[in-house]
Protein backbone atom coordinates (compact mmCIF):
# COMPACT_ATOMS: atom_id res chain seq x y z
CA UNK A 1 0.06 0.06 -0.19
CA UNK A 2 0.83 3.61 -0.82
CA UNK A 3 3.17 5.07 1.96
CA UNK A 4 3.38 2.06 4.31
CA UNK A 5 6.92 0.15 4.08
CA UNK A 6 6.91 -3.66 4.25
CA UNK A 7 9.05 -3.16 7.88
CA UNK A 8 5.90 -1.01 9.05
CA UNK A 9 3.72 -3.16 8.54
CA UNK A 10 5.39 -6.17 10.06
CA UNK A 11 5.96 -3.67 13.36
CA UNK A 12 2.35 -3.05 13.29
CA UNK A 13 1.29 -6.88 13.63
CA UNK A 14 4.34 -7.82 15.40
CA UNK A 15 3.14 -5.69 18.30
CA UNK A 16 -0.75 -6.40 17.76
CA UNK A 17 0.04 -9.96 17.62
CA UNK A 18 2.81 -10.83 19.78
CA UNK A 19 2.33 -14.71 19.73
CA UNK A 20 1.63 -15.07 15.80
CA UNK A 21 3.77 -17.59 14.32
CA UNK A 22 6.10 -16.12 11.38
CA UNK A 23 3.69 -17.92 8.69
CA UNK A 24 0.79 -15.67 10.14
CA UNK A 25 2.70 -12.55 10.12
CA UNK A 26 3.88 -12.99 6.67
CA UNK A 27 0.31 -13.71 5.54
CA UNK A 28 -1.29 -10.78 7.11
CA UNK A 29 1.69 -8.61 5.43
CA UNK A 30 0.96 -10.00 1.98
CA UNK A 31 -2.56 -9.35 2.48
CA UNK A 32 -1.65 -5.77 3.29
CA UNK A 33 0.55 -4.63 0.57
CA UNK A 34 -1.48 -6.29 -1.96
CA UNK A 35 -4.66 -4.36 -0.20
CA UNK A 36 -5.32 -1.89 -3.43
CA UNK A 37 -5.58 -4.53 -6.00
CA UNK A 38 -8.10 -6.98 -3.30
CA UNK A 39 -10.01 -3.78 -2.86
CA UNK A 40 -10.28 -2.57 -6.49
CA UNK A 41 -12.00 -5.91 -7.16
CA UNK A 42 -14.08 -6.01 -4.19
CA UNK A 43 -15.67 -2.59 -5.59
CA UNK A 44 -15.91 -4.21 -9.11
CA UNK A 45 -17.51 -6.99 -7.40
CA UNK A 46 -19.64 -4.61 -5.62
CA UNK A 47 -20.96 -2.79 -8.65
CA UNK A 48 -21.53 -5.77 -10.53
CA UNK A 49 -23.43 -7.18 -8.00
CA UNK A 50 -24.57 -4.94 -5.72
CA UNK A 51 -25.02 -1.92 -7.44
CA UNK A 52 -23.50 1.48 -8.59
CA UNK A 53 -21.78 3.43 -5.85
CA UNK A 54 -21.41 6.70 -7.33
CA UNK A 55 -22.73 9.53 -5.51
CA UNK A 56 -24.20 7.12 -2.79
CA UNK A 57 -23.82 6.99 0.87
CA UNK A 58 -21.63 3.87 2.04
CA UNK A 59 -20.53 2.21 4.85
CA UNK A 60 -17.45 0.73 5.51
CA UNK A 61 -17.82 -1.57 8.73
CA UNK A 62 -14.12 -2.63 9.91
CA UNK A 63 -11.82 -0.63 7.65
CA UNK A 64 -8.77 -1.55 8.74
CA UNK A 65 -5.86 -0.15 6.84
CA UNK A 66 -8.23 1.71 4.76
CA UNK A 67 -7.67 -0.05 1.24
CA UNK A 68 -11.37 -0.30 1.10
CA UNK A 69 -12.77 2.64 1.95
CA UNK A 70 -10.41 4.52 -0.33
CA UNK A 71 -11.12 1.97 -3.19
CA UNK A 72 -14.69 3.02 -2.95
CA UNK A 73 -14.21 6.66 -2.56
CA UNK A 74 -11.81 6.45 -5.96
CA UNK A 75 -15.14 5.01 -7.23
CA UNK A 76 -16.95 7.87 -6.27
CA UNK A 77 -18.85 6.57 -3.34
CA UNK A 78 -19.46 9.23 -0.29
CA UNK A 79 -17.52 6.80 2.24
CA UNK A 80 -17.67 6.56 6.05
CA UNK A 81 -15.51 3.76 7.97
CA UNK A 82 -16.06 2.44 11.40
CA UNK A 83 -13.46 0.22 13.35
CA UNK A 84 -12.24 -0.08 17.04
CA UNK A 85 -8.25 0.80 16.87
CA UNK A 86 -6.93 4.00 17.10
CA UNK A 87 -3.71 2.62 15.47
CA UNK A 88 -5.77 1.58 12.19
CA UNK A 89 -7.56 4.84 12.18
CA UNK A 90 -4.17 6.80 11.94
CA UNK A 91 -3.28 4.14 9.05
CA UNK A 92 -6.18 4.52 7.22
CA UNK A 93 -6.19 8.38 7.55
CA UNK A 94 -2.73 8.29 6.25
CA UNK A 95 -3.15 5.95 3.60
CA UNK A 96 -6.94 7.54 2.33
CA UNK A 97 -5.72 11.44 2.79
CA UNK A 98 -6.47 12.37 -0.63
CA UNK A 99 -10.19 11.35 -0.22
CA UNK A 100 -13.19 13.12 2.33
CA UNK A 101 -13.37 9.71 4.19
CA UNK A 102 -15.28 9.87 7.68
CA UNK A 103 -13.06 7.49 9.49
CA UNK A 104 -14.75 6.77 13.08
CA UNK A 105 -13.69 4.83 15.92
CA UNK A 106 -16.60 2.91 17.37
CA UNK A 107 -17.46 0.44 20.45
CA UNK A 108 -17.12 -2.88 18.32
CA UNK A 109 -21.33 -2.97 18.37
CA UNK A 110 -23.05 0.05 17.87
CA UNK A 111 -22.70 2.32 14.91
CA UNK A 112 -22.53 6.39 15.46
CA UNK A 113 -25.11 6.85 12.76
CA UNK A 114 -28.96 7.89 12.45
CA UNK A 115 -31.41 5.68 11.30
CA UNK A 116 -31.94 4.56 7.60
CA UNK A 117 -28.78 6.80 6.70
CA UNK A 118 -26.94 4.80 4.24
CA UNK A 119 -27.49 3.39 0.67
CA UNK A 120 -24.96 0.68 1.28
CA UNK A 121 -22.95 -1.15 3.38
CA UNK A 122 -19.59 -3.24 2.84
CA UNK A 123 -18.38 -5.37 5.34
CA UNK A 124 -15.33 -7.92 4.24
CA UNK A 125 -14.29 -10.20 6.88
CA UNK A 126 -14.79 -8.65 9.92
CA UNK A 127 -17.87 -10.37 11.51
CA UNK A 128 -15.73 -13.10 12.59
CA UNK A 129 -13.63 -10.58 15.06
CA UNK A 130 -16.56 -9.02 16.77
CA UNK A 131 -17.61 -9.95 19.98
CA UNK A 132 -21.63 -9.02 19.66
CA UNK A 133 -22.04 -10.19 15.79
CA UNK A 134 -26.21 -10.40 16.06
CA UNK A 135 -25.97 -6.54 17.52
CA UNK A 136 -23.63 -5.35 14.86
CA UNK A 137 -25.98 -7.20 11.54
CA UNK A 138 -28.73 -5.17 13.67
CA UNK A 139 -27.12 -2.20 13.56
CA UNK A 140 -26.14 -2.37 10.04
CA UNK A 141 -30.06 -2.86 9.46
CA UNK A 142 -30.88 -0.03 11.39
CA UNK A 143 -28.64 2.42 9.37
CA UNK A 144 -29.19 0.90 6.08
CA UNK A 145 -32.16 3.14 4.05
CA UNK A 146 -35.20 1.09 2.86
CA UNK A 147 -34.00 -0.81 -0.39
CA UNK A 148 -30.65 -0.28 0.52
CA UNK A 149 -28.22 -3.22 0.41
CA UNK A 150 -25.47 -5.07 2.10
CA UNK A 151 -22.39 -6.64 1.00
CA UNK A 152 -21.52 -9.38 3.83
CA UNK A 153 -18.54 -11.55 3.71
CA UNK A 154 -16.47 -13.90 6.16
CA UNK A 155 -14.70 -17.04 5.99
CA UNK A 156 -16.59 -20.22 5.99
CA UNK A 157 -16.34 -22.21 9.55
CA UNK A 158 -16.53 -25.88 7.36
CA UNK A 159 -13.38 -24.59 4.87
CA UNK A 160 -10.78 -26.87 6.01
CA UNK A 161 -7.94 -24.19 5.98
CA UNK A 162 -8.84 -21.84 8.83
CA UNK A 163 -7.64 -18.41 6.79
CA UNK A 164 -6.02 -16.52 9.79
CA UNK A 165 -4.29 -19.00 11.47
CA UNK A 166 -3.67 -20.96 8.32
CA UNK A 167 -4.50 -24.24 10.37
CA UNK A 168 -6.36 -27.23 9.04
CA UNK A 169 -9.94 -28.25 10.62
CA UNK A 170 -9.49 -25.97 13.40
CA UNK A 171 -12.70 -24.10 13.07
CA UNK A 172 -14.22 -27.52 13.17
CA UNK A 173 -13.38 -27.97 16.67
CA UNK A 174 -14.83 -27.08 20.10
CA UNK A 175 -13.70 -23.90 21.32
CA UNK A 176 -11.43 -25.25 24.16
CA UNK A 177 -9.94 -27.41 21.56
CA UNK A 178 -8.92 -25.31 19.26
CA UNK A 179 -6.75 -23.23 21.62
CA UNK A 180 -4.95 -26.31 22.38
CA UNK A 181 -4.45 -27.39 19.23
CA UNK A 182 -3.26 -23.41 18.14
CA UNK A 183 -1.24 -23.61 21.00
CA UNK A 184 0.86 -26.84 20.04
CA UNK A 185 1.11 -25.35 16.52
CA UNK A 186 2.38 -22.09 17.87
CA UNK A 187 0.13 -20.11 16.47
CA UNK A 188 -1.57 -16.74 17.25
CA UNK A 189 -4.10 -17.54 20.23
CA UNK A 190 -8.20 -17.22 19.05
CA UNK A 191 -8.28 -14.19 22.32
CA UNK A 192 -5.49 -11.90 20.51
CA UNK A 193 -7.44 -11.28 17.12
CA UNK A 194 -11.02 -12.33 18.78
CA UNK A 195 -11.72 -14.65 16.45
CA UNK A 196 -14.80 -16.72 15.84
CA UNK A 197 -16.09 -19.44 13.27
CA UNK A 198 -19.27 -19.09 11.78
CA UNK A 199 -21.04 -21.56 9.10
CA UNK A 200 -23.91 -20.26 7.12
CA UNK A 201 -26.64 -21.45 8.88
CA UNK A 202 -25.11 -19.56 11.80
CA UNK A 203 -25.13 -16.37 10.08
CA UNK A 204 -28.63 -16.88 8.58
CA UNK A 205 -29.98 -17.37 12.03
CA UNK A 206 -28.34 -14.02 13.22
CA UNK A 207 -30.06 -12.45 10.48
CA UNK A 208 -33.34 -13.34 11.33
CA UNK A 209 -32.77 -12.49 15.39
CA UNK A 210 -32.18 -9.12 13.89
CA UNK A 211 -35.77 -8.52 13.59
CA UNK A 212 -35.66 -6.75 9.95
CA UNK A 213 -37.06 -8.16 6.83
CA UNK A 214 -35.08 -8.31 4.08
CA UNK A 215 -34.09 -10.75 0.95
CA UNK A 216 -31.22 -12.14 -0.10
CA UNK A 217 -30.04 -11.62 -3.79
CA UNK A 218 -28.98 -13.82 -6.33
CA UNK A 219 -26.85 -12.93 -9.53
CA UNK A 220 -25.55 -16.04 -10.34
CA UNK A 221 -24.65 -17.37 -14.25
CA UNK A 222 -22.86 -20.66 -13.78
CA UNK A 223 -23.63 -23.25 -16.28
CA UNK A 224 -22.97 -26.92 -16.39
CA UNK A 225 -23.07 -29.19 -13.13
CA UNK A 226 -22.24 -25.83 -11.24
CA UNK A 227 -24.94 -24.29 -12.24
CA UNK A 228 -27.45 -26.99 -11.76
CA UNK A 229 -26.01 -27.26 -7.78
CA UNK A 230 -26.75 -23.64 -7.28
CA UNK A 231 -30.52 -23.64 -8.96
CA UNK A 232 -30.77 -27.14 -6.47
CA UNK A 233 -29.74 -25.26 -3.42
CA UNK A 234 -31.72 -21.78 -4.43
CA UNK A 235 -34.68 -23.96 -4.71
CA UNK A 236 -33.84 -25.55 -0.86
CA UNK A 237 -33.76 -22.01 0.16
CA UNK A 238 -30.15 -21.72 0.41
CA UNK A 239 -27.25 -19.72 -1.19
CA UNK A 240 -24.57 -21.37 -2.96
CA UNK A 241 -22.26 -19.29 -0.78
CA UNK A 242 -22.56 -22.37 1.81
CA UNK A 243 -19.90 -24.29 -0.62
CA UNK A 244 -17.47 -21.42 -0.57
CA UNK A 245 -14.03 -20.55 1.07
CA UNK A 246 -15.90 -17.47 1.67
CA UNK A 247 -19.15 -17.02 2.87
CA UNK A 248 -20.69 -13.84 0.99
CA UNK A 249 -24.13 -12.40 1.07
CA UNK A 250 -25.67 -9.54 -0.66
CA UNK A 251 -29.24 -8.22 1.60
CA UNK A 252 -31.41 -6.22 0.60
CA UNK A 253 -33.44 -4.49 3.44
CA UNK A 254 -37.42 -4.09 2.99
């Protein structure tokens, strides 16, 4: 990322995750240094699947280094972002200094915005780190305008290699067992990243408990066997994201 050297990023992660393995740190660094390209791809996906962002109010929940917020701002969105760390806010503001992005610190559950404020919300690989995911989802719906849309993505609990610790099958285990397993592997403890694992059905259950009416949008043009599987799942009321490494939902508020 512009203005962030590998050494600066490495120092941040070493401070933030003192027990993380070199493999974990190297992955985090690589993700950050390639964030600009990944963020641009996310925005392209968003425009294609969710809607045009130019001139629309968009909230980035969990802005991190600011890469996604900046990419949306470049595309013409009016961007606000929330996160819980002052260090990240300083990094994001430096990275996004050319853009008028409203980066805010929040308490991890209550969004500091009025009802029905945003046209869109994006949250990528964040929900697995929050302490009260049901509250955060409810807050997203609260600040979203009627007919507004949310792009929500997070790692699939049942993908064999967990994407943060890079440990095989750790997300399948009871939490007490996962902690012992990661300790044996000398990986970062779950508590250091407030890391939780969620399945497709757990997310659907959380969404229902928000009390808001919504619909899951589909836009999939797969053909062949994949297309058949997608259609079968849709008839069963299940989104094909259940089969993917990353659970991805496009939600429209009623």
